[in-house]
Amino acid sequence: MFADGALGRRTGLLSEPYYDAPGEFGEAMHDQATFYEMVKEVRNHMMPIAMHFQCTFNEGVFHLKGIRLSL
């Protein structure tokens, strides 16, 4: 699963704006509710999840409601 875009295109989700693009913080691939439902559905089938975060991961970016991530 991809959480956000790429740094080269300035779509990787950042907690601060890109140094060369003031006001640009990147893009999340899914809104919070959709992302959570995708994770929940996969886990309901007892399947593992692999996520790619290009972002500066912090509590303000994604909350997975009790799902622990190993980063």
C-alpha atoms as a PDB file:
ATOM      1  CA  MET A   1       0.000   0.000   0.000  1.00  0.00           C
ATOM      2  CA  PHE A   2       1.214   3.473  -0.755  1.00  0.00           C
ATOM      3  CA  ALA A   3       0.514   6.206   1.769  1.00  0.00           C
ATOM      4  CA  ASP A   4       1.703   9.183  -0.260  1.00  0.00           C
ATOM      5  CA  GLY A   5       3.532  10.270  -3.391  1.00  0.00           C
ATOM      6  CA  ALA A   6       7.201  10.817  -4.220  1.00  0.00           C
ATOM      7  CA  LEU A   7       9.657  13.472  -3.077  1.00  0.00           C
ATOM      8  CA  GLY A   8      10.853  14.290  -6.602  1.00  0.00           C
ATOM      9  CA  ARG A   9       7.367  15.352  -7.673  1.00  0.00           C
ATOM     10  CA  ARG A  10       6.722  17.067  -4.337  1.00  0.00           C
ATOM     11  CA  THR A  11       3.851  14.678  -3.599  1.00  0.00           C
ATOM     12  CA  GLY A  12       5.551  12.874  -0.684  1.00  0.00           C
ATOM     13  CA  LEU A  13       3.598  13.948   2.388  1.00  0.00           C
ATOM     14  CA  LEU A  14       5.608  16.220   4.682  1.00  0.00           C
ATOM     15  CA  SER A  15       4.888  17.819   8.029  1.00  0.00           C
ATOM     16  CA  GLU A  16       6.547  21.040   6.808  1.00  0.00           C
ATOM     17  CA  PRO A  17       6.355  22.611   3.338  1.00  0.00           C
ATOM     18  CA  TYR A  18       8.911  21.754   0.665  1.00  0.00           C
ATOM     19  CA  TYR A  19      11.843  24.168   0.868  1.00  0.00           C
ATOM     20  CA  ASP A  20      11.447  25.145  -2.794  1.00  0.00           C
ATOM     21  CA  ALA A  21       7.632  25.154  -2.847  1.00  0.00           C
ATOM     22  CA  PRO A  22       6.218  27.148   0.065  1.00  0.00           C
ATOM     23  CA  GLY A  23       2.721  26.015   0.986  1.00  0.00           C
ATOM     24  CA  GLU A  24       3.178  22.558  -0.597  1.00  0.00           C
ATOM     25  CA  PHE A  25       3.049  19.680   1.893  1.00  0.00           C
ATOM     26  CA  GLY A  26       2.575  16.766  -0.540  1.00  0.00           C
ATOM     27  CA  GLU A  27      -0.409  14.502  -1.007  1.00  0.00           C
ATOM     28  CA  ALA A  28      -1.910  11.573   0.831  1.00  0.00           C
ATOM     29  CA  MET A  29      -2.970   8.783  -1.542  1.00  0.00           C
ATOM     30  CA  HIS A  30      -6.117   8.144   0.523  1.00  0.00           C
ATOM     31  CA  ASP A  31      -8.078  10.075   3.088  1.00  0.00           C
ATOM     32  CA  GLN A  32      -7.891   8.862   6.678  1.00  0.00           C
ATOM     33  CA  ALA A  33     -11.185   6.919   6.598  1.00  0.00           C
ATOM     34  CA  THR A  34     -10.368   5.108   3.343  1.00  0.00           C
ATOM     35  CA  PHE A  35      -6.862   4.251   4.508  1.00  0.00           C
ATOM     36  CA  TYR A  36      -8.190   2.793   7.754  1.00  0.00           C
ATOM     37  CA  GLU A  37     -10.856   0.734   5.944  1.00  0.00           C
ATOM     38  CA  MET A  38      -8.229  -0.686   3.565  1.00  0.00           C
ATOM     39  CA  VAL A  39      -6.039  -1.746   6.499  1.00  0.00           C
ATOM     40  CA  LYS A  40      -9.013  -3.186   8.371  1.00  0.00           C
ATOM     41  CA  GLU A  41     -10.158  -5.220   5.362  1.00  0.00           C
ATOM     42  CA  VAL A  42      -6.715  -6.723   4.811  1.00  0.00           C
ATOM     43  CA  ARG A  43      -6.355  -7.563   8.514  1.00  0.00           C
ATOM     44  CA  ASN A  44      -9.855  -9.127   8.560  1.00  0.00           C
ATOM     45  CA  HIS A  45      -8.421 -11.679   6.121  1.00  0.00           C
ATOM     46  CA  MET A  46      -5.405 -12.236   8.402  1.00  0.00           C
ATOM     47  CA  MET A  47      -3.081 -10.986   5.654  1.00  0.00           C
ATOM     48  CA  PRO A  48       0.121  -9.002   6.268  1.00  0.00           C
ATOM     49  CA  ILE A  49       0.354  -5.395   5.190  1.00  0.00           C
ATOM     50  CA  ALA A  50       3.317  -3.675   3.586  1.00  0.00           C
ATOM     51  CA  MET A  51       3.137   0.112   3.427  1.00  0.00           C
ATOM     52  CA  HIS A  52       5.374   2.574   1.699  1.00  0.00           C
ATOM     53  CA  PHE A  53       5.661   5.928   3.458  1.00  0.00           C
ATOM     54  CA  GLN A  54       7.730   8.529   1.661  1.00  0.00           C
ATOM     55  CA  CYS A  55       6.424  11.020   4.168  1.00  0.00           C
ATOM     56  CA  THR A  56       7.794  12.410   7.389  1.00  0.00           C
ATOM     57  CA  PHE A  57       5.738  10.017   9.479  1.00  0.00           C
ATOM     58  CA  ASN A  58       4.317  11.509  12.644  1.00  0.00           C
ATOM     59  CA  GLU A  59       1.148  11.296  14.671  1.00  0.00           C
ATOM     60  CA  GLY A  60      -0.413  14.095  12.663  1.00  0.00           C
ATOM     61  CA  VAL A  61      -0.190  12.230   9.360  1.00  0.00           C
ATOM     62  CA  PHE A  62      -1.884   8.866   9.867  1.00  0.00           C
ATOM     63  CA  HIS A  63      -3.724   7.448  12.842  1.00  0.00           C
ATOM     64  CA  LEU A  64      -4.501   3.749  12.474  1.00  0.00           C
ATOM     65  CA  LYS A  65      -6.891   3.343  15.418  1.00  0.00           C
ATOM     66  CA  GLY A  66      -5.101   0.761  17.508  1.00  0.00           C
ATOM     67  CA  ILE A  67      -3.105  -0.823  14.688  1.00  0.00           C
ATOM     68  CA  ARG A  68       0.562  -0.878  15.649  1.00  0.00           C
ATOM     69  CA  LEU A  69       3.150  -0.109  13.001  1.00  0.00           C
ATOM     70  CA  SER A  70       6.785  -1.165  13.127  1.00  0.00           C
ATOM     71  CA  LEU A  71       8.799   1.617  11.582  1.00  0.00           C
END
